[in-house]
C-alpha cells in the first residue's frame, strides 16, 4: 500500500513547525498574559510602561528581520535560528529578576531578537503553486501556538507564578535544543546576489506594491494596540474571570485555526485574495465594534467565533499576496523587508494602545482598533486590480 504523503510537508518542515509552535506558544504567553498580568499586578507597572515593553519586543523583532533575511541568504538556517533562539532564551530568563521598568523593557527587547529567524525560514519554504494552502498550514501552527500560550499561562498564573515562568523557560530551551537538528544548509542554495542589486530589486518591488503599504502598517497597528489591554479589558469591562477569558481565547483561536487551511485552499482555488481580505477585515471590524459594548458572556463567545473565522480568511490570503512581491532567489531578504514594513505598525500599536488606555480607558482602544480595521477593508475594496496582480506580473 502506498503511504499517504504531502509533497511539500517533509521531516524538515515538521521540525520547523514544532520549533515554530514552541516559539509562538512562549511568545503568546509572554506578550498576552505574563507581561500584562505580571507587569501590572505583581510589579505595579502602568499600562503605558507595559505597552513600551511590548513595543521594545517588536522593535528588536522588526529591526532584525531585515538583517536576518540577509543572513539567511548567506549562512545556514541552523546557525541563524540557533543564535536567535539562544538570545530569546536569555530574555525570558531575565523576566524573573526584572523588578524595575528598564530591566522589564530590556528583557522584552532581548526576547524579541529570536523571533524573526524561524518565521522567515518558514516563509522561504513556501512554494508558488500552493502558496495560500501552505500559508494556511503555517498560520495554523502559528495560531495554535500563539493562542494556547496565553490560555495555559492564564490558568497557571492563578496557581503559581513560578510554575508559569519555568514552563516558559523550559519551552524556550526546548525550541533552542530542537534547532540543533535543523539543516546546516543556507535558506537558499543559490549563489548570493550583490547587496546593492538585491536592494534595487526590492526597491522596485516596493514601488509596485506602494498601494498596499498603508494597509500593511494600519492592520498591524490595529491588532497590536489590543495586546497590552486585553486582560484588563476582559476583567474590568467584560466582567469575566481568568478562566472565562481563557475560554474566549480558546474559542477564537480554535475557529481561526480550523478555518486557516480551508480558507487557504479556497483562496488558491478561486485564484484571488481581494474579497477574502475585504470581507475578512470588514467582519473583523464589526466583531471588535460589538465586543466594545461589553455584552453578556455568551454573546462574547459568538463574537470570538466570528473574529476567529474572519482572521482565518485574512491571514493566508494576505501573505499569499505578499509572497507575489518577494523577488525570486532573494526569499530571505525579501520576506525580511516585508516583515520589517509590517513591523512598523507593530511597534506603534502597543505604545498607542497603552497610552490611550491610560488616558481614555481600555474600551476606547477596542473602538479605535475596530475603526482602523474597517478603514483597511474599505481601502482594499477601493484599490485597483493592478495592486493585486502587480507582484505576479513583475515575476513573469
Protein backbone atom coordinates (compact mmCIF):
# COMPACT_ATOMS: atom_id res chain seq x y z
CA UNK A 1 0.00 0.00 0.00
CA UNK A 2 1.35 3.37 -0.97
CA UNK A 3 1.84 5.58 2.05
CA UNK A 4 -0.03 8.87 2.05
CA UNK A 5 2.28 11.86 1.93
CA UNK A 6 2.04 15.56 1.43
CA UNK A 7 4.76 16.51 -1.10
CA UNK A 8 5.70 19.83 0.49
CA UNK A 9 5.49 18.54 4.09
CA UNK A 10 8.61 16.53 4.86
CA UNK A 11 10.69 15.88 8.01
CA UNK A 12 12.36 19.29 7.74
CA UNK A 13 9.03 21.13 7.65
CA UNK A 14 7.81 19.02 10.57
CA UNK A 15 10.83 20.00 12.67
CA UNK A 16 10.48 23.67 11.73
CA UNK A 17 6.76 23.54 12.54
CA UNK A 18 7.43 22.11 16.02
CA UNK A 19 10.00 24.83 16.72
CA UNK A 20 7.56 27.46 15.41
CA UNK A 21 4.86 26.11 17.73
CA UNK A 22 7.13 26.27 20.79
CA UNK A 23 8.35 29.76 19.91
CA UNK A 24 4.85 31.12 19.35
CA UNK A 25 3.47 29.38 22.45
CA UNK A 26 6.01 31.23 24.58
CA UNK A 27 5.52 34.47 22.66
CA UNK A 28 1.75 34.40 23.17
CA UNK A 29 2.09 33.53 26.84
CA UNK A 30 4.68 36.27 27.44
CA UNK A 31 3.02 39.07 25.47
CA UNK A 32 -0.67 38.45 26.15
CA UNK A 33 -0.55 37.10 29.71
CA UNK A 34 2.78 37.21 31.54
CA UNK A 35 3.83 40.76 30.69
CA UNK A 36 0.43 42.50 31.11
CA UNK A 37 -0.70 40.50 34.16
CA UNK A 38 2.63 40.07 35.94
CA UNK A 39 3.76 43.57 34.99
CA UNK A 40 0.58 45.24 36.26
CA UNK A 41 -0.41 43.12 39.25
CA UNK A 42 2.96 41.93 40.58
CA UNK A 43 5.35 44.69 39.55
CA UNK A 44 2.80 47.50 39.70
CA UNK A 45 3.72 48.86 36.28
CA UNK A 46 1.30 51.10 34.37
CA UNK A 47 -0.24 50.11 31.05
CA UNK A 48 1.88 52.62 29.16
CA UNK A 49 5.10 51.08 30.53
CA UNK A 50 3.84 47.63 29.62
CA UNK A 51 2.99 48.95 26.15
CA UNK A 52 6.53 50.32 25.79
CA UNK A 53 7.98 46.94 26.81
CA UNK A 54 5.84 45.12 24.24
CA UNK A 55 6.91 47.66 21.62
CA UNK A 56 10.54 47.06 22.61
CA UNK A 57 9.97 43.36 21.90
CA UNK A 58 8.51 44.08 18.47
CA UNK A 59 11.13 46.74 17.77
CA UNK A 60 14.03 44.31 18.05
CA UNK A 61 12.00 41.67 16.22
CA UNK A 62 11.22 44.07 13.38
CA UNK A 63 14.59 45.76 13.05
CA UNK A 64 16.35 42.40 12.92
CA UNK A 65 14.03 40.92 10.30
CA UNK A 66 15.90 42.76 7.57
CA UNK A 67 19.30 41.67 8.83
CA UNK A 68 18.18 38.09 9.45
CA UNK A 69 16.74 37.84 5.95
CA UNK A 70 20.14 38.92 4.64
CA UNK A 71 21.94 36.42 6.90
CA UNK A 72 19.66 33.56 5.86
CA UNK A 73 20.71 34.15 2.26
CA UNK A 74 24.37 33.70 3.31
CA UNK A 75 24.58 31.47 6.38
CA UNK A 76 22.96 28.20 7.40
CA UNK A 77 19.43 28.11 8.73
CA UNK A 78 20.67 26.20 11.78
CA UNK A 79 23.25 28.84 12.72
CA UNK A 80 20.93 31.83 12.39
CA UNK A 81 17.98 30.20 14.18
CA UNK A 82 20.19 28.85 16.98
CA UNK A 83 21.73 32.22 17.80
CA UNK A 84 18.36 33.96 17.75
CA UNK A 85 16.64 31.41 19.99
CA UNK A 86 19.55 31.44 22.43
CA UNK A 87 19.27 35.22 22.88
CA UNK A 88 15.50 34.89 23.29
CA UNK A 89 16.01 32.26 25.97
CA UNK A 90 18.16 34.78 27.83
CA UNK A 91 15.39 37.36 27.54
CA UNK A 92 12.78 35.00 29.01
CA UNK A 93 15.14 34.07 31.84
CA UNK A 94 15.65 37.75 32.64
CA UNK A 95 11.94 38.32 33.37
CA UNK A 96 12.32 36.59 36.73
CA UNK A 97 14.52 39.40 38.07
CA UNK A 98 13.00 42.27 36.04
CA UNK A 99 11.86 44.27 39.08
CA UNK A 100 12.46 47.69 37.53
CA UNK A 101 10.82 49.17 34.42
CA UNK A 102 14.08 49.49 32.46
CA UNK A 103 15.01 45.85 33.16
CA UNK A 104 11.49 44.74 32.25
CA UNK A 105 11.78 46.59 28.93
CA UNK A 106 15.29 45.19 28.34
CA UNK A 107 14.09 41.62 28.88
CA UNK A 108 11.26 42.18 26.38
CA UNK A 109 13.70 43.63 23.84
CA UNK A 110 16.12 40.70 24.16
CA UNK A 111 13.26 38.27 23.84
CA UNK A 112 12.25 39.83 20.53
CA UNK A 113 15.60 39.08 18.91
CA UNK A 114 14.99 35.37 18.43
CA UNK A 115 11.51 35.59 16.97
CA UNK A 116 12.47 36.65 13.46
CA UNK A 117 14.57 33.75 12.10
CA UNK A 118 12.20 30.81 12.46
CA UNK A 119 9.25 32.61 10.89
CA UNK A 120 11.25 33.85 7.91
CA UNK A 121 12.67 30.34 7.46
CA UNK A 122 9.08 29.04 7.28
CA UNK A 123 8.18 31.64 4.67
CA UNK A 124 11.15 30.73 2.47
CA UNK A 125 9.87 27.13 2.33
CA UNK A 126 6.56 28.13 0.73
CA UNK A 127 6.15 27.11 -2.92
CA UNK A 128 4.41 29.15 -5.60
CA UNK A 129 1.85 26.55 -6.71
CA UNK A 130 0.25 26.03 -3.27
CA UNK A 131 1.07 29.33 -1.66
CA UNK A 132 -2.16 30.07 0.23
CA UNK A 133 -2.60 26.43 1.29
CA UNK A 134 0.88 26.29 2.79
CA UNK A 135 0.41 29.71 4.35
CA UNK A 136 -2.78 28.36 5.89
CA UNK A 137 -0.90 25.42 7.40
CA UNK A 138 1.90 27.61 8.78
CA UNK A 139 -0.60 30.04 10.23
CA UNK A 140 -2.48 27.14 11.81
CA UNK A 141 0.70 26.13 13.64
CA UNK A 142 1.41 29.77 14.47
CA UNK A 143 -2.12 30.44 15.69
CA UNK A 144 -2.43 27.27 17.77
CA UNK A 145 0.88 28.09 19.47
CA UNK A 146 0.12 31.77 19.92
CA UNK A 147 -3.38 31.06 21.20
CA UNK A 148 -2.63 28.14 23.51
CA UNK A 149 0.23 30.00 25.21
CA UNK A 150 -1.97 32.64 26.92
CA UNK A 151 -4.64 30.06 27.76
CA UNK A 152 -2.22 27.78 29.61
CA UNK A 153 -0.42 30.78 31.11
CA UNK A 154 -3.66 32.32 32.46
CA UNK A 155 -4.59 29.08 34.20
CA UNK A 156 -1.13 28.61 35.72
CA UNK A 157 -0.87 32.25 36.83
CA UNK A 158 -3.90 31.70 39.08
CA UNK A 159 -1.95 29.00 40.93
CA UNK A 160 1.78 29.65 40.66
CA UNK A 161 3.85 32.36 39.05
CA UNK A 162 6.98 30.24 39.37
CA UNK A 163 5.37 27.28 37.59
CA UNK A 164 4.34 29.58 34.74
CA UNK A 165 7.80 31.07 34.48
CA UNK A 166 9.63 27.72 34.48
CA UNK A 167 7.25 26.30 31.88
CA UNK A 168 8.05 29.18 29.53
CA UNK A 169 11.80 28.89 30.15
CA UNK A 170 11.61 25.13 29.56
CA UNK A 171 9.72 25.50 26.29
CA UNK A 172 12.14 28.21 25.12
CA UNK A 173 15.03 25.89 25.90
CA UNK A 174 13.26 23.05 24.09
CA UNK A 175 12.89 25.15 20.95
CA UNK A 176 16.59 26.02 21.05
CA UNK A 177 17.60 22.36 21.52
CA UNK A 178 15.47 21.29 18.56
CA UNK A 179 17.16 23.95 16.42
CA UNK A 180 20.39 21.93 16.77
CA UNK A 181 18.85 19.39 14.37
CA UNK A 182 17.99 21.88 11.63
CA UNK A 183 19.55 21.66 8.19
CA UNK A 184 23.05 23.09 8.02
CA UNK A 185 22.46 24.50 4.53
CA UNK A 186 21.55 28.07 3.63
CA UNK A 187 17.90 29.08 3.25
CA UNK A 188 18.63 29.11 -0.48
CA UNK A 189 21.37 27.16 -2.22
CA UNK A 190 21.82 29.80 -4.90
CA UNK A 191 24.84 31.98 -5.36
CA UNK A 192 24.44 35.20 -3.31
CA UNK A 193 23.47 38.28 -5.29
CA UNK A 194 25.37 41.51 -4.51
CA UNK A 195 23.68 43.54 -1.78
CA UNK A 196 23.23 46.59 -3.99
CA UNK A 197 21.49 44.53 -6.66
CA UNK A 198 19.22 42.96 -4.05
CA UNK A 199 18.12 46.31 -2.66
CA UNK A 200 17.49 47.62 -6.16
CA UNK A 201 15.24 44.63 -6.87
CA UNK A 202 13.46 45.04 -3.54
CA UNK A 203 13.05 48.77 -4.13
CA UNK A 204 11.40 48.01 -7.43
CA UNK A 205 9.03 45.57 -5.72
CA UNK A 206 8.11 48.13 -3.04
CA UNK A 207 7.39 50.71 -5.73
CA UNK A 208 4.98 48.29 -7.40
CA UNK A 209 3.20 47.46 -4.13
CA UNK A 210 3.07 51.04 -2.82
CA UNK A 211 -0.75 50.96 -2.86
CA UNK A 212 -0.69 48.13 -0.31
CA UNK A 213 1.78 49.75 2.09
CA UNK A 214 -0.70 51.86 4.11
CA UNK A 215 -2.82 48.78 4.79
CA UNK A 216 0.24 46.78 5.80
CA UNK A 217 1.06 49.27 8.54
CA UNK A 218 -2.50 50.02 9.66
CA UNK A 219 -3.52 46.40 10.14
CA UNK A 220 -0.57 45.55 12.37
CA UNK A 221 -1.11 48.79 14.29
CA UNK A 222 -4.76 47.96 14.91
CA UNK A 223 -4.01 44.42 16.08
CA UNK A 224 -1.04 45.25 18.31
CA UNK A 225 -2.93 48.08 20.05
CA UNK A 226 -5.02 45.39 21.73
CA UNK A 227 -2.13 43.38 23.18
CA UNK A 228 -1.39 45.43 26.35
CA UNK A 229 -5.04 45.97 27.29
CA UNK A 230 -6.81 42.67 26.60
CA UNK A 231 -6.50 41.07 30.08
CA UNK A 232 -7.62 44.21 31.95
CA UNK A 233 -10.37 44.90 29.37
CA UNK A 234 -11.73 41.38 29.88
CA UNK A 235 -11.64 41.69 33.65
CA UNK A 236 -12.86 45.26 34.12
CA UNK A 237 -15.28 45.80 31.23
CA UNK A 238 -16.44 42.33 30.22
CA UNK A 239 -16.58 41.27 33.87
CA UNK A 240 -15.12 37.82 33.25
CA UNK A 241 -12.65 35.74 35.23
CA UNK A 242 -9.30 34.45 34.05
CA UNK A 243 -10.84 31.09 33.18
CA UNK A 244 -13.59 32.74 31.10
CA UNK A 245 -11.01 34.92 29.36
CA UNK A 246 -9.06 31.77 28.53
CA UNK A 247 -12.24 30.24 27.11
CA UNK A 248 -12.76 33.26 24.84
CA UNK A 249 -9.18 32.99 23.61
CA UNK A 250 -9.62 29.25 23.09
CA UNK A 251 -12.82 29.64 21.07
CA UNK A 252 -11.44 32.47 18.92
CA UNK A 253 -8.15 30.69 18.32
CA UNK A 254 -9.87 27.36 17.62
CA UNK A 255 -12.16 28.81 14.97
CA UNK A 256 -9.24 30.67 13.42
CA UNK A 257 -7.07 27.54 13.37
CA UNK A 258 -9.87 25.41 11.92
CA UNK A 259 -10.53 27.96 9.19
CA UNK A 260 -6.97 28.70 8.10
CA UNK A 261 -6.30 25.71 5.85
CA UNK A 262 -9.80 25.62 4.24
CA UNK A 263 -9.65 29.36 3.63
CA UNK A 264 -6.18 28.99 2.14
CA UNK A 265 -7.34 26.23 -0.19
CA UNK A 266 -10.42 28.19 -1.21
CA UNK A 267 -8.24 31.22 -1.97
CA UNK A 268 -5.95 29.04 -4.12
CA UNK A 269 -8.94 27.55 -5.91
CA UNK A 270 -10.61 30.87 -6.64
CA UNK A 271 -7.32 32.44 -7.63
CA UNK A 272 -7.83 35.72 -5.82
CA UNK A 273 -7.24 37.42 -2.49
CA UNK A 274 -9.14 40.70 -2.70
CA UNK A 275 -12.58 39.63 -1.44
CA UNK A 276 -11.13 37.41 1.27
CA UNK A 277 -9.33 40.46 2.63
CA UNK A 278 -12.15 42.97 2.16
CA UNK A 279 -14.79 40.79 3.81
CA UNK A 280 -12.37 39.47 6.42
CA UNK A 281 -11.39 42.95 7.61
CA UNK A 282 -15.00 44.17 7.48
CA UNK A 283 -16.29 41.34 9.68
CA UNK A 284 -13.30 41.64 12.00
CA UNK A 285 -14.01 45.35 12.47
CA UNK A 286 -17.67 44.65 13.20
CA UNK A 287 -16.73 41.96 15.72
CA UNK A 288 -14.46 44.33 17.64
CA UNK A 289 -17.13 47.04 17.47
CA UNK A 290 -19.71 44.78 19.12
CA UNK A 291 -17.17 43.46 21.65
CA UNK A 292 -16.58 47.01 22.93
CA UNK A 293 -20.25 47.18 24.02
CA UNK A 294 -19.48 44.74 26.86
CA UNK A 295 -22.28 42.31 26.03
CA UNK A 296 -23.05 39.22 28.15
CA UNK A 297 -20.50 36.41 28.10
CA UNK A 298 -22.38 34.12 25.70
CA UNK A 299 -22.58 36.92 23.13
CA UNK A 300 -18.85 37.44 23.56
CA UNK A 301 -18.31 33.76 22.73
CA UNK A 302 -20.20 34.19 19.45
CA UNK A 303 -18.17 37.32 18.70
CA UNK A 304 -14.95 35.38 19.41
CA UNK A 305 -16.04 32.72 16.89
CA UNK A 306 -16.74 35.38 14.25
CA UNK A 307 -13.38 37.09 14.91
CA UNK A 308 -11.58 33.77 14.54
CA UNK A 309 -13.25 32.95 11.21
CA UNK A 310 -12.59 36.48 9.93
CA UNK A 311 -8.93 36.21 10.84
CA UNK A 312 -8.65 32.84 9.10
CA UNK A 313 -9.89 34.48 5.90
CA UNK A 314 -7.36 37.31 6.17
CA UNK A 315 -4.07 35.62 7.06
CA UNK A 316 -3.45 33.08 4.25
CA UNK A 317 -4.70 35.41 1.52
CA UNK A 318 -2.72 38.37 2.77
CA UNK A 319 0.56 36.50 2.99
CA UNK A 320 -0.05 34.74 -0.31
CA UNK A 321 -0.46 38.20 -1.83
CA UNK A 322 2.75 39.44 -0.23
CA UNK A 323 4.58 36.37 -1.49
CA UNK A 324 3.99 37.52 -5.08
CA UNK A 325 6.11 40.60 -4.32
CA UNK A 326 9.13 38.67 -2.98
CA UNK A 327 11.87 38.72 -5.65
CA UNK A 328 12.87 35.25 -6.88
CA UNK A 329 16.16 33.92 -5.42
CA UNK A 330 16.04 36.53 -2.63
CA UNK A 331 13.41 34.97 -0.37
CA UNK A 332 15.21 35.57 2.92
CA UNK A 333 15.91 39.24 2.29
CA UNK A 334 12.55 39.77 0.59
CA UNK A 335 10.48 38.38 3.47
CA UNK A 336 12.71 40.20 5.91
CA UNK A 337 11.96 43.53 4.23
CA UNK A 338 8.21 42.93 4.01
CA UNK A 339 8.08 41.78 7.63
CA UNK A 340 10.00 44.91 8.61
CA UNK A 341 7.38 47.12 6.93
CA UNK A 342 4.58 45.26 8.69
CA UNK A 343 6.54 45.61 11.92
CA UNK A 344 6.28 49.40 11.80
CA UNK A 345 2.65 49.10 12.85
CA UNK A 346 3.53 46.52 15.49
CA UNK A 347 6.00 48.97 17.03
CA UNK A 348 3.44 51.80 17.07
CA UNK A 349 0.44 49.79 18.28
CA UNK A 350 1.36 48.68 21.83
CA UNK A 351 2.56 52.14 22.87
CA UNK A 352 -0.52 53.76 21.35
CA UNK A 353 -2.80 51.20 23.00
CA UNK A 354 -1.17 51.63 26.39
CA UNK A 355 -1.28 55.43 26.26
CA UNK A 356 -4.90 55.55 25.04
CA UNK A 357 -5.96 53.06 27.72
CA UNK A 358 -4.22 55.06 30.47
CA UNK A 359 -5.99 58.25 29.43
CA UNK A 360 -9.32 57.19 27.89
CA UNK A 361 -9.82 53.66 29.14
CA UNK A 362 -9.49 50.19 27.59
CA UNK A 363 -12.80 50.28 25.62
CA UNK A 364 -11.50 53.26 23.64
CA UNK A 365 -8.62 51.14 22.38
CA UNK A 366 -11.04 48.47 21.14
CA UNK A 367 -13.21 51.11 19.40
CA UNK A 368 -10.23 52.70 17.67
CA UNK A 369 -8.87 49.32 16.58
CA UNK A 370 -12.29 48.45 15.09
CA UNK A 371 -12.30 51.74 13.14
CA UNK A 372 -8.81 51.01 11.77
CA UNK A 373 -9.81 47.55 10.54
CA UNK A 374 -12.94 48.98 8.96
CA UNK A 375 -10.86 51.57 7.12
CA UNK A 376 -8.48 48.86 5.92
CA UNK A 377 -11.36 46.85 4.46
CA UNK A 378 -12.64 49.98 2.69
CA UNK A 379 -9.14 50.78 1.41
CA UNK A 380 -8.71 47.32 -0.11
CA UNK A 381 -12.18 47.50 -1.64
CA UNK A 382 -11.20 50.67 -3.50
CA UNK A 383 -7.76 49.51 -4.67
CA UNK A 384 -7.41 48.90 -8.44
CA UNK A 385 -6.81 45.36 -9.66
CA UNK A 386 -3.19 46.13 -10.57
CA UNK A 387 -2.40 46.27 -6.85
CA UNK A 388 -3.45 42.62 -6.55
CA UNK A 389 -1.61 41.41 -9.65
CA UNK A 390 1.47 43.61 -9.82
CA UNK A 391 3.76 41.22 -7.97
CA UNK A 392 2.85 38.26 -10.13
CA UNK A 393 3.27 40.29 -13.27
CA UNK A 394 6.68 41.51 -12.16
CA UNK A 395 7.99 37.98 -11.70
CA UNK A 396 6.87 36.68 -15.10
